């Protein structure tokens, strides 16, 4: 427990660990080939017969405008204690309260569809608002 006269530092974010987790999830879910059913954990199911562009439309419909700016709704210390997928960790690391959803997705370096799924999950679970 921190004392009032002694500041504490937030735990560091391990980008490499999140990237490794993300790569493994993408491979196991088949998201890179356009099959995202397994990666969505039931939030929005997208058939493997839907192409990426159609799937992106579905997720953007869930998210709303790409110009909205997501912000953390969960304190960082609580967020670090919660179990999460690597994709979610990578996406949330780009949420700074200034970038729009489109900018977060572009900046995180994941395939757009994978990043959209992660962003949807973060909003659905209340990590972001």
C-alpha atoms as a PDB file:
ATOM      1  CA  UNK A   1       0.000   0.000   0.000  1.00  0.00           C
ATOM      2  CA  UNK A   2       1.344   3.424  -0.961  1.00  0.00           C
ATOM      3  CA  UNK A   3       1.882   6.086   1.633  1.00  0.00           C
ATOM      4  CA  UNK A   4       0.777   9.671   0.904  1.00  0.00           C
ATOM      5  CA  UNK A   5       4.341  11.006   0.964  1.00  0.00           C
ATOM      6  CA  UNK A   6       5.661   8.307  -1.333  1.00  0.00           C
ATOM      7  CA  UNK A   7       4.491   8.277  -4.964  1.00  0.00           C
ATOM      8  CA  UNK A   8       3.969   4.979  -6.724  1.00  0.00           C
ATOM      9  CA  UNK A   9       4.634   4.114 -10.337  1.00  0.00           C
ATOM     10  CA  UNK A  10       2.237   2.268 -12.576  1.00  0.00           C
ATOM     11  CA  UNK A  11       3.472  -1.156 -13.642  1.00  0.00           C
ATOM     12  CA  UNK A  12       5.188  -1.053 -17.010  1.00  0.00           C
ATOM     13  CA  UNK A  13       3.396  -2.286 -20.104  1.00  0.00           C
ATOM     14  CA  UNK A  14       5.175  -5.196 -21.803  1.00  0.00           C
ATOM     15  CA  UNK A  15       4.493  -4.586 -25.501  1.00  0.00           C
ATOM     16  CA  UNK A  16       6.446  -7.656 -26.618  1.00  0.00           C
ATOM     17  CA  UNK A  17       4.432  -9.995 -24.389  1.00  0.00           C
ATOM     18  CA  UNK A  18       1.168  -8.558 -25.705  1.00  0.00           C
ATOM     19  CA  UNK A  19       2.395  -8.880 -29.288  1.00  0.00           C
ATOM     20  CA  UNK A  20       3.322 -12.535 -28.749  1.00  0.00           C
ATOM     21  CA  UNK A  21      -0.068 -13.267 -27.170  1.00  0.00           C
ATOM     22  CA  UNK A  22      -1.791 -11.450 -29.992  1.00  0.00           C
ATOM     23  CA  UNK A  23       0.081 -13.370 -32.679  1.00  0.00           C
ATOM     24  CA  UNK A  24      -0.827 -16.663 -31.024  1.00  0.00           C
ATOM     25  CA  UNK A  25      -4.508 -15.716 -30.701  1.00  0.00           C
ATOM     26  CA  UNK A  26      -4.671 -14.604 -34.317  1.00  0.00           C
ATOM     27  CA  UNK A  27      -3.107 -17.851 -35.514  1.00  0.00           C
ATOM     28  CA  UNK A  28      -5.314 -20.054 -33.357  1.00  0.00           C
ATOM     29  CA  UNK A  29      -8.504 -18.181 -34.213  1.00  0.00           C
ATOM     30  CA  UNK A  30      -7.815 -18.026 -37.922  1.00  0.00           C
ATOM     31  CA  UNK A  31      -8.543 -14.299 -37.881  1.00  0.00           C
ATOM     32  CA  UNK A  32      -5.819 -13.565 -40.404  1.00  0.00           C
ATOM     33  CA  UNK A  33      -7.708 -15.617 -42.979  1.00  0.00           C
ATOM     34  CA  UNK A  34     -10.991 -13.800 -42.363  1.00  0.00           C
ATOM     35  CA  UNK A  35     -12.533 -16.338 -39.980  1.00  0.00           C
ATOM     36  CA  UNK A  36     -13.238 -14.386 -36.818  1.00  0.00           C
ATOM     37  CA  UNK A  37     -15.878 -16.484 -35.084  1.00  0.00           C
ATOM     38  CA  UNK A  38     -13.463 -17.923 -32.521  1.00  0.00           C
ATOM     39  CA  UNK A  39     -11.867 -14.551 -31.805  1.00  0.00           C
ATOM     40  CA  UNK A  40     -15.093 -12.801 -30.853  1.00  0.00           C
ATOM     41  CA  UNK A  41     -15.942 -14.856 -27.740  1.00  0.00           C
ATOM     42  CA  UNK A  42     -19.624 -14.536 -28.576  1.00  0.00           C
ATOM     43  CA  UNK A  43     -19.893 -10.743 -28.789  1.00  0.00           C
ATOM     44  CA  UNK A  44     -20.616 -10.639 -32.499  1.00  0.00           C
ATOM     45  CA  UNK A  45     -20.432 -13.744 -34.593  1.00  0.00           C
ATOM     46  CA  UNK A  46     -19.227 -13.292 -38.139  1.00  0.00           C
ATOM     47  CA  UNK A  47     -19.541 -16.233 -40.466  1.00  0.00           C
ATOM     48  CA  UNK A  48     -16.495 -17.504 -42.302  1.00  0.00           C
ATOM     49  CA  UNK A  49     -18.486 -16.875 -45.495  1.00  0.00           C
ATOM     50  CA  UNK A  50     -18.428 -13.121 -44.920  1.00  0.00           C
ATOM     51  CA  UNK A  51     -15.484 -11.247 -46.389  1.00  0.00           C
ATOM     52  CA  UNK A  52     -13.381  -8.852 -44.305  1.00  0.00           C
ATOM     53  CA  UNK A  53     -15.051  -5.720 -45.677  1.00  0.00           C
ATOM     54  CA  UNK A  54     -18.514  -6.986 -44.720  1.00  0.00           C
ATOM     55  CA  UNK A  55     -17.271  -8.070 -41.290  1.00  0.00           C
ATOM     56  CA  UNK A  56     -15.710  -4.634 -40.719  1.00  0.00           C
ATOM     57  CA  UNK A  57     -19.081  -3.034 -41.507  1.00  0.00           C
ATOM     58  CA  UNK A  58     -20.704  -5.212 -38.830  1.00  0.00           C
ATOM     59  CA  UNK A  59     -18.155  -4.180 -36.210  1.00  0.00           C
ATOM     60  CA  UNK A  60     -18.284  -0.499 -37.157  1.00  0.00           C
ATOM     61  CA  UNK A  61     -22.064  -0.689 -36.763  1.00  0.00           C
ATOM     62  CA  UNK A  62     -21.480  -1.937 -33.198  1.00  0.00           C
ATOM     63  CA  UNK A  63     -18.872   0.741 -32.458  1.00  0.00           C
ATOM     64  CA  UNK A  64     -20.600   3.697 -34.040  1.00  0.00           C
ATOM     65  CA  UNK A  65     -18.648   6.506 -35.637  1.00  0.00           C
ATOM     66  CA  UNK A  66     -14.927   5.912 -36.221  1.00  0.00           C
ATOM     67  CA  UNK A  67     -14.429   9.547 -35.138  1.00  0.00           C
ATOM     68  CA  UNK A  68     -15.474   8.822 -31.538  1.00  0.00           C
ATOM     69  CA  UNK A  69     -12.636   9.010 -29.000  1.00  0.00           C
ATOM     70  CA  UNK A  70     -12.455   6.027 -26.623  1.00  0.00           C
ATOM     71  CA  UNK A  71     -11.238   6.553 -23.044  1.00  0.00           C
ATOM     72  CA  UNK A  72     -10.356   4.176 -20.220  1.00  0.00           C
ATOM     73  CA  UNK A  73     -13.357   3.461 -17.997  1.00  0.00           C
ATOM     74  CA  UNK A  74     -11.382   1.165 -15.695  1.00  0.00           C
ATOM     75  CA  UNK A  75      -8.519   2.487 -13.559  1.00  0.00           C
ATOM     76  CA  UNK A  76      -5.137   1.341 -14.857  1.00  0.00           C
ATOM     77  CA  UNK A  77      -4.212  -0.582 -11.691  1.00  0.00           C
ATOM     78  CA  UNK A  78      -7.478  -2.572 -11.918  1.00  0.00           C
ATOM     79  CA  UNK A  79      -7.035  -3.085 -15.654  1.00  0.00           C
ATOM     80  CA  UNK A  80      -3.580  -4.593 -15.196  1.00  0.00           C
ATOM     81  CA  UNK A  81      -4.978  -7.102 -12.699  1.00  0.00           C
ATOM     82  CA  UNK A  82      -7.735  -8.329 -15.064  1.00  0.00           C
ATOM     83  CA  UNK A  83      -7.163 -11.267 -17.399  1.00  0.00           C
ATOM     84  CA  UNK A  84      -7.311 -10.197 -21.033  1.00  0.00           C
ATOM     85  CA  UNK A  85      -6.248 -11.287 -24.460  1.00  0.00           C
ATOM     86  CA  UNK A  86      -3.124  -9.909 -26.097  1.00  0.00           C
ATOM     87  CA  UNK A  87      -5.189  -8.207 -28.782  1.00  0.00           C
ATOM     88  CA  UNK A  88      -7.091  -6.259 -26.145  1.00  0.00           C
ATOM     89  CA  UNK A  89      -3.891  -5.249 -24.367  1.00  0.00           C
ATOM     90  CA  UNK A  90      -2.337  -4.012 -27.568  1.00  0.00           C
ATOM     91  CA  UNK A  91      -5.432  -2.057 -28.604  1.00  0.00           C
ATOM     92  CA  UNK A  92      -5.895  -0.483 -25.153  1.00  0.00           C
ATOM     93  CA  UNK A  93      -2.250   0.591 -25.116  1.00  0.00           C
ATOM     94  CA  UNK A  94      -3.071   3.027 -27.943  1.00  0.00           C
ATOM     95  CA  UNK A  95      -6.096   4.532 -26.195  1.00  0.00           C
ATOM     96  CA  UNK A  96      -4.957   7.899 -24.870  1.00  0.00           C
ATOM     97  CA  UNK A  97      -8.184   9.901 -24.755  1.00  0.00           C
ATOM     98  CA  UNK A  98      -7.112  11.865 -27.836  1.00  0.00           C
ATOM     99  CA  UNK A  99      -6.996   9.322 -30.661  1.00  0.00           C
ATOM    100  CA  UNK A 100     -10.208   8.433 -32.449  1.00  0.00           C
ATOM    101  CA  UNK A 101     -11.269   4.814 -32.820  1.00  0.00           C
ATOM    102  CA  UNK A 102      -9.999   4.841 -36.405  1.00  0.00           C
ATOM    103  CA  UNK A 103      -6.620   6.227 -35.275  1.00  0.00           C
ATOM    104  CA  UNK A 104      -6.326   3.592 -32.511  1.00  0.00           C
ATOM    105  CA  UNK A 105      -7.032   0.826 -35.013  1.00  0.00           C
ATOM    106  CA  UNK A 106      -4.568   2.235 -37.549  1.00  0.00           C
ATOM    107  CA  UNK A 107      -1.857   2.804 -34.937  1.00  0.00           C
ATOM    108  CA  UNK A 108      -1.919  -0.587 -33.216  1.00  0.00           C
ATOM    109  CA  UNK A 109      -0.545  -2.404 -36.271  1.00  0.00           C
ATOM    110  CA  UNK A 110      -3.007  -5.304 -36.158  1.00  0.00           C
ATOM    111  CA  UNK A 111      -5.148  -6.299 -39.119  1.00  0.00           C
ATOM    112  CA  UNK A 112      -8.115  -3.897 -39.030  1.00  0.00           C
ATOM    113  CA  UNK A 113     -10.667  -6.640 -38.453  1.00  0.00           C
ATOM    114  CA  UNK A 114      -8.731  -8.077 -35.498  1.00  0.00           C
ATOM    115  CA  UNK A 115      -8.318  -4.609 -33.980  1.00  0.00           C
ATOM    116  CA  UNK A 116     -12.039  -3.920 -34.463  1.00  0.00           C
ATOM    117  CA  UNK A 117     -12.923  -7.118 -32.617  1.00  0.00           C
ATOM    118  CA  UNK A 118     -10.590  -6.149 -29.770  1.00  0.00           C
ATOM    119  CA  UNK A 119     -12.009  -2.635 -29.564  1.00  0.00           C
ATOM    120  CA  UNK A 120     -15.576  -3.990 -29.531  1.00  0.00           C
ATOM    121  CA  UNK A 121     -14.697  -6.383 -26.702  1.00  0.00           C
ATOM    122  CA  UNK A 122     -13.072  -3.605 -24.660  1.00  0.00           C
ATOM    123  CA  UNK A 123     -16.170  -1.445 -25.032  1.00  0.00           C
ATOM    124  CA  UNK A 124     -18.574  -4.328 -24.353  1.00  0.00           C
ATOM    125  CA  UNK A 125     -16.740  -5.353 -21.179  1.00  0.00           C
ATOM    126  CA  UNK A 126     -16.631  -1.786 -19.868  1.00  0.00           C
ATOM    127  CA  UNK A 127     -12.859  -1.373 -20.016  1.00  0.00           C
ATOM    128  CA  UNK A 128     -13.387   1.536 -22.431  1.00  0.00           C
ATOM    129  CA  UNK A 129     -16.192   3.997 -22.926  1.00  0.00           C
END
